């Protein structure tokens, strides 16, 4: 399982509540990992994923990047919170 939480503290300067984002994902094998990565990740991020020498390393890198992106987007309120 991989989890990330991020807070934008700049919102407090305006007296607004802190903006937070959080995402948690289970690390599990996916048959379409490369297709998902090519759609949502930059060339550099894809290279990071495929640079892993073992399946678990590639999966872990994929999910680390995925939760970072989800968390950041939630902080910006660009994706609906569940």
N, C-alpha and C. Protein backbone atom coordinates (compact mmCIF):
# COMPACT_ATOMS: atom_id res chain seq x y z
N UNK A 1 0.85 -1.17 0.00
CA UNK A 1 0.00 0.00 0.00
C UNK A 1 0.90 1.24 0.00
N UNK A 2 0.52 2.23 -0.77
CA UNK A 2 1.25 3.50 -0.84
C UNK A 2 0.27 4.62 -0.52
N UNK A 3 0.68 5.53 0.34
CA UNK A 3 -0.17 6.66 0.71
C UNK A 3 0.64 7.95 0.68
N UNK A 4 0.00 9.04 0.26
CA UNK A 4 0.63 10.36 0.24
C UNK A 4 -0.40 11.38 0.69
N UNK A 5 0.05 12.33 1.51
CA UNK A 5 -0.78 13.46 1.89
C UNK A 5 0.02 14.73 1.65
N UNK A 6 -0.64 15.76 1.15
CA UNK A 6 0.02 17.03 0.82
C UNK A 6 -0.87 18.17 1.29
N UNK A 7 -0.26 19.20 1.83
CA UNK A 7 -1.02 20.38 2.28
C UNK A 7 -0.41 21.62 1.66
N UNK A 8 -1.25 22.49 1.13
CA UNK A 8 -0.81 23.79 0.62
C UNK A 8 -0.96 24.78 1.75
N UNK A 9 0.13 25.20 2.31
CA UNK A 9 0.06 26.12 3.44
C UNK A 9 -0.15 27.56 3.01
N UNK A 10 0.04 27.88 1.76
CA UNK A 10 -0.13 29.26 1.32
C UNK A 10 -1.55 29.76 1.50
N UNK A 11 -2.51 28.85 1.55
CA UNK A 11 -3.90 29.25 1.74
C UNK A 11 -4.11 29.92 3.09
N UNK A 12 -3.30 29.59 4.09
CA UNK A 12 -3.47 30.17 5.42
C UNK A 12 -3.10 31.64 5.43
N UNK A 13 -2.32 32.08 4.47
CA UNK A 13 -1.93 33.48 4.42
C UNK A 13 -3.13 34.38 4.15
N UNK A 14 -4.12 33.85 3.51
CA UNK A 14 -5.34 34.61 3.20
C UNK A 14 -6.45 34.32 4.19
N UNK A 15 -6.14 33.61 5.25
CA UNK A 15 -7.15 33.28 6.24
C UNK A 15 -8.10 32.17 5.80
N UNK A 16 -7.75 31.48 4.73
CA UNK A 16 -8.58 30.39 4.24
C UNK A 16 -8.13 29.08 4.87
N UNK A 17 -8.99 28.09 4.90
CA UNK A 17 -8.58 26.78 5.43
C UNK A 17 -7.45 26.19 4.59
N UNK A 18 -6.67 25.34 5.21
CA UNK A 18 -5.62 24.64 4.48
C UNK A 18 -6.25 23.75 3.41
N UNK A 19 -5.59 23.65 2.29
CA UNK A 19 -6.05 22.74 1.24
C UNK A 19 -5.22 21.48 1.34
N UNK A 20 -5.89 20.34 1.42
CA UNK A 20 -5.21 19.07 1.60
C UNK A 20 -5.60 18.11 0.49
N UNK A 21 -4.67 17.23 0.18
CA UNK A 21 -4.94 16.15 -0.74
C UNK A 21 -4.37 14.87 -0.19
N UNK A 22 -5.03 13.77 -0.46
CA UNK A 22 -4.56 12.48 0.04
C UNK A 22 -4.96 11.41 -0.97
N UNK A 23 -4.09 10.46 -1.16
CA UNK A 23 -4.43 9.33 -2.01
C UNK A 23 -3.74 8.09 -1.47
N UNK A 24 -4.45 6.99 -1.49
CA UNK A 24 -3.93 5.71 -1.01
C UNK A 24 -4.26 4.67 -2.08
N UNK A 25 -3.29 3.87 -2.44
CA UNK A 25 -3.50 2.82 -3.43
C UNK A 25 -2.83 1.54 -2.95
N UNK A 26 -3.48 0.41 -3.22
CA UNK A 26 -2.85 -0.88 -3.03
C UNK A 26 -1.94 -1.14 -4.22
N UNK A 27 -0.80 -1.72 -3.97
CA UNK A 27 0.11 -2.10 -5.05
C UNK A 27 -0.27 -3.52 -5.47
N UNK A 28 -0.81 -3.64 -6.68
CA UNK A 28 -1.18 -4.95 -7.19
C UNK A 28 -0.85 -5.03 -8.67
N UNK A 29 -0.57 -6.21 -9.17
CA UNK A 29 -0.19 -6.37 -10.58
C UNK A 29 -1.29 -5.88 -11.52
N UNK A 30 -0.87 -5.23 -12.59
CA UNK A 30 -1.79 -4.74 -13.61
C UNK A 30 -1.23 -5.15 -14.97
N UNK A 31 -2.08 -5.66 -15.80
CA UNK A 31 -1.64 -6.04 -17.14
C UNK A 31 -1.45 -4.87 -18.07
N UNK A 32 -2.08 -3.74 -17.77
CA UNK A 32 -2.06 -2.59 -18.66
C UNK A 32 -1.25 -1.43 -18.10
N UNK A 33 -0.26 -1.71 -17.30
CA UNK A 33 0.56 -0.70 -16.63
C UNK A 33 1.18 0.29 -17.63
N UNK A 34 1.77 -0.22 -18.70
CA UNK A 34 2.43 0.64 -19.67
C UNK A 34 1.43 1.52 -20.43
N UNK A 35 0.26 1.00 -20.72
CA UNK A 35 -0.76 1.79 -21.42
C UNK A 35 -1.24 2.94 -20.53
N UNK A 36 -1.45 2.66 -19.27
CA UNK A 36 -1.88 3.70 -18.32
C UNK A 36 -0.77 4.74 -18.19
N UNK A 37 0.46 4.28 -18.03
CA UNK A 37 1.60 5.19 -17.88
C UNK A 37 1.75 6.09 -19.11
N UNK A 38 1.58 5.53 -20.30
CA UNK A 38 1.74 6.34 -21.51
C UNK A 38 0.65 7.41 -21.63
N UNK A 39 -0.49 7.16 -21.02
CA UNK A 39 -1.59 8.11 -21.09
C UNK A 39 -1.46 9.23 -20.05
N UNK A 40 -0.98 8.91 -18.85
CA UNK A 40 -1.01 9.87 -17.76
C UNK A 40 0.35 10.38 -17.29
N UNK A 41 1.44 9.75 -17.71
CA UNK A 41 2.76 10.13 -17.22
C UNK A 41 3.63 10.72 -18.32
N UNK A 42 4.53 11.60 -17.90
CA UNK A 42 5.48 12.20 -18.85
C UNK A 42 6.47 11.14 -19.32
N UNK A 43 7.24 11.48 -20.33
CA UNK A 43 8.27 10.58 -20.84
C UNK A 43 9.26 10.22 -19.74
N UNK A 44 9.65 11.20 -18.95
CA UNK A 44 10.61 10.97 -17.86
C UNK A 44 10.02 10.04 -16.80
N UNK A 45 8.75 10.23 -16.48
CA UNK A 45 8.10 9.37 -15.48
C UNK A 45 7.97 7.94 -16.01
N UNK A 46 7.65 7.80 -17.28
CA UNK A 46 7.57 6.47 -17.88
C UNK A 46 8.93 5.77 -17.85
N UNK A 47 9.99 6.54 -18.11
CA UNK A 47 11.34 5.97 -18.07
C UNK A 47 11.69 5.52 -16.65
N UNK A 48 11.25 6.28 -15.66
CA UNK A 48 11.47 5.90 -14.26
C UNK A 48 10.81 4.56 -13.97
N UNK A 49 9.59 4.40 -14.43
CA UNK A 49 8.84 3.16 -14.18
C UNK A 49 9.51 1.99 -14.88
N UNK A 50 9.78 2.14 -16.16
CA UNK A 50 10.34 1.02 -16.93
C UNK A 50 11.80 0.75 -16.58
N UNK A 51 12.44 1.69 -15.87
CA UNK A 51 13.82 1.49 -15.44
C UNK A 51 13.96 0.50 -14.30
N UNK A 52 12.84 0.12 -13.70
CA UNK A 52 12.89 -0.88 -12.63
C UNK A 52 13.26 -2.24 -13.20
N UNK A 53 14.13 -2.95 -12.49
CA UNK A 53 14.61 -4.23 -13.01
C UNK A 53 13.69 -5.40 -12.69
N UNK A 54 12.83 -5.24 -11.68
CA UNK A 54 11.91 -6.31 -11.30
C UNK A 54 10.48 -5.80 -11.37
N UNK A 55 9.56 -6.73 -11.53
CA UNK A 55 8.13 -6.39 -11.63
C UNK A 55 7.66 -5.57 -10.43
N UNK A 56 8.01 -5.99 -9.22
CA UNK A 56 7.57 -5.26 -8.03
C UNK A 56 8.14 -3.85 -7.99
N UNK A 57 9.36 -3.69 -8.45
CA UNK A 57 9.97 -2.35 -8.49
C UNK A 57 9.23 -1.45 -9.48
N UNK A 58 8.87 -1.96 -10.63
CA UNK A 58 8.12 -1.18 -11.62
C UNK A 58 6.72 -0.82 -11.09
N UNK A 59 6.07 -1.80 -10.47
CA UNK A 59 4.74 -1.53 -9.88
C UNK A 59 4.83 -0.47 -8.79
N UNK A 60 5.82 -0.59 -7.93
CA UNK A 60 5.97 0.38 -6.84
C UNK A 60 6.23 1.77 -7.40
N UNK A 61 7.08 1.88 -8.38
CA UNK A 61 7.35 3.19 -8.99
C UNK A 61 6.10 3.77 -9.63
N UNK A 62 5.34 2.92 -10.33
CA UNK A 62 4.08 3.36 -10.95
C UNK A 62 3.14 3.94 -9.90
N UNK A 63 2.92 3.18 -8.84
CA UNK A 63 1.97 3.62 -7.81
C UNK A 63 2.48 4.82 -7.03
N UNK A 64 3.78 4.92 -6.83
CA UNK A 64 4.32 6.11 -6.16
C UNK A 64 4.00 7.36 -6.97
N UNK A 65 4.24 7.30 -8.26
CA UNK A 65 3.93 8.44 -9.13
C UNK A 65 2.43 8.69 -9.19
N UNK A 66 1.65 7.63 -9.25
CA UNK A 66 0.20 7.77 -9.35
C UNK A 66 -0.37 8.49 -8.12
N UNK A 67 0.03 8.04 -6.92
CA UNK A 67 -0.54 8.67 -5.72
C UNK A 67 -0.04 10.10 -5.55
N UNK A 68 1.17 10.39 -5.97
CA UNK A 68 1.66 11.77 -5.92
C UNK A 68 0.81 12.68 -6.82
N UNK A 69 0.52 12.22 -8.03
CA UNK A 69 -0.29 13.02 -8.96
C UNK A 69 -1.72 13.19 -8.43
N UNK A 70 -2.33 12.11 -7.97
CA UNK A 70 -3.69 12.19 -7.43
C UNK A 70 -3.76 13.13 -6.24
N UNK A 71 -2.81 13.01 -5.35
CA UNK A 71 -2.78 13.85 -4.16
C UNK A 71 -2.65 15.32 -4.54
N UNK A 72 -1.76 15.62 -5.45
CA UNK A 72 -1.55 17.01 -5.88
C UNK A 72 -2.81 17.57 -6.54
N UNK A 73 -3.43 16.79 -7.42
CA UNK A 73 -4.65 17.25 -8.08
C UNK A 73 -5.78 17.47 -7.08
N UNK A 74 -5.90 16.60 -6.09
CA UNK A 74 -6.92 16.79 -5.06
C UNK A 74 -6.65 18.05 -4.26
N UNK A 75 -5.39 18.35 -4.02
CA UNK A 75 -5.05 19.57 -3.31
C UNK A 75 -5.48 20.80 -4.10
N UNK A 76 -5.37 20.73 -5.39
CA UNK A 76 -5.80 21.84 -6.24
C UNK A 76 -7.29 21.79 -6.53
N UNK A 77 -7.97 20.81 -6.00
CA UNK A 77 -9.42 20.60 -6.20
C UNK A 77 -9.76 20.40 -7.67
N UNK A 78 -8.88 19.71 -8.40
CA UNK A 78 -9.15 19.44 -9.80
C UNK A 78 -9.80 18.07 -10.02
N UNK A 79 -9.88 17.28 -8.96
CA UNK A 79 -10.61 16.02 -9.04
C UNK A 79 -11.57 15.97 -7.88
N UNK A 80 -12.72 15.34 -8.06
CA UNK A 80 -13.69 15.28 -6.97
C UNK A 80 -13.15 14.46 -5.80
N UNK A 81 -13.46 14.90 -4.59
CA UNK A 81 -13.07 14.15 -3.40
C UNK A 81 -14.11 13.09 -3.13
N UNK A 82 -13.65 11.93 -2.67
CA UNK A 82 -14.56 10.81 -2.42
C UNK A 82 -14.82 10.68 -0.94
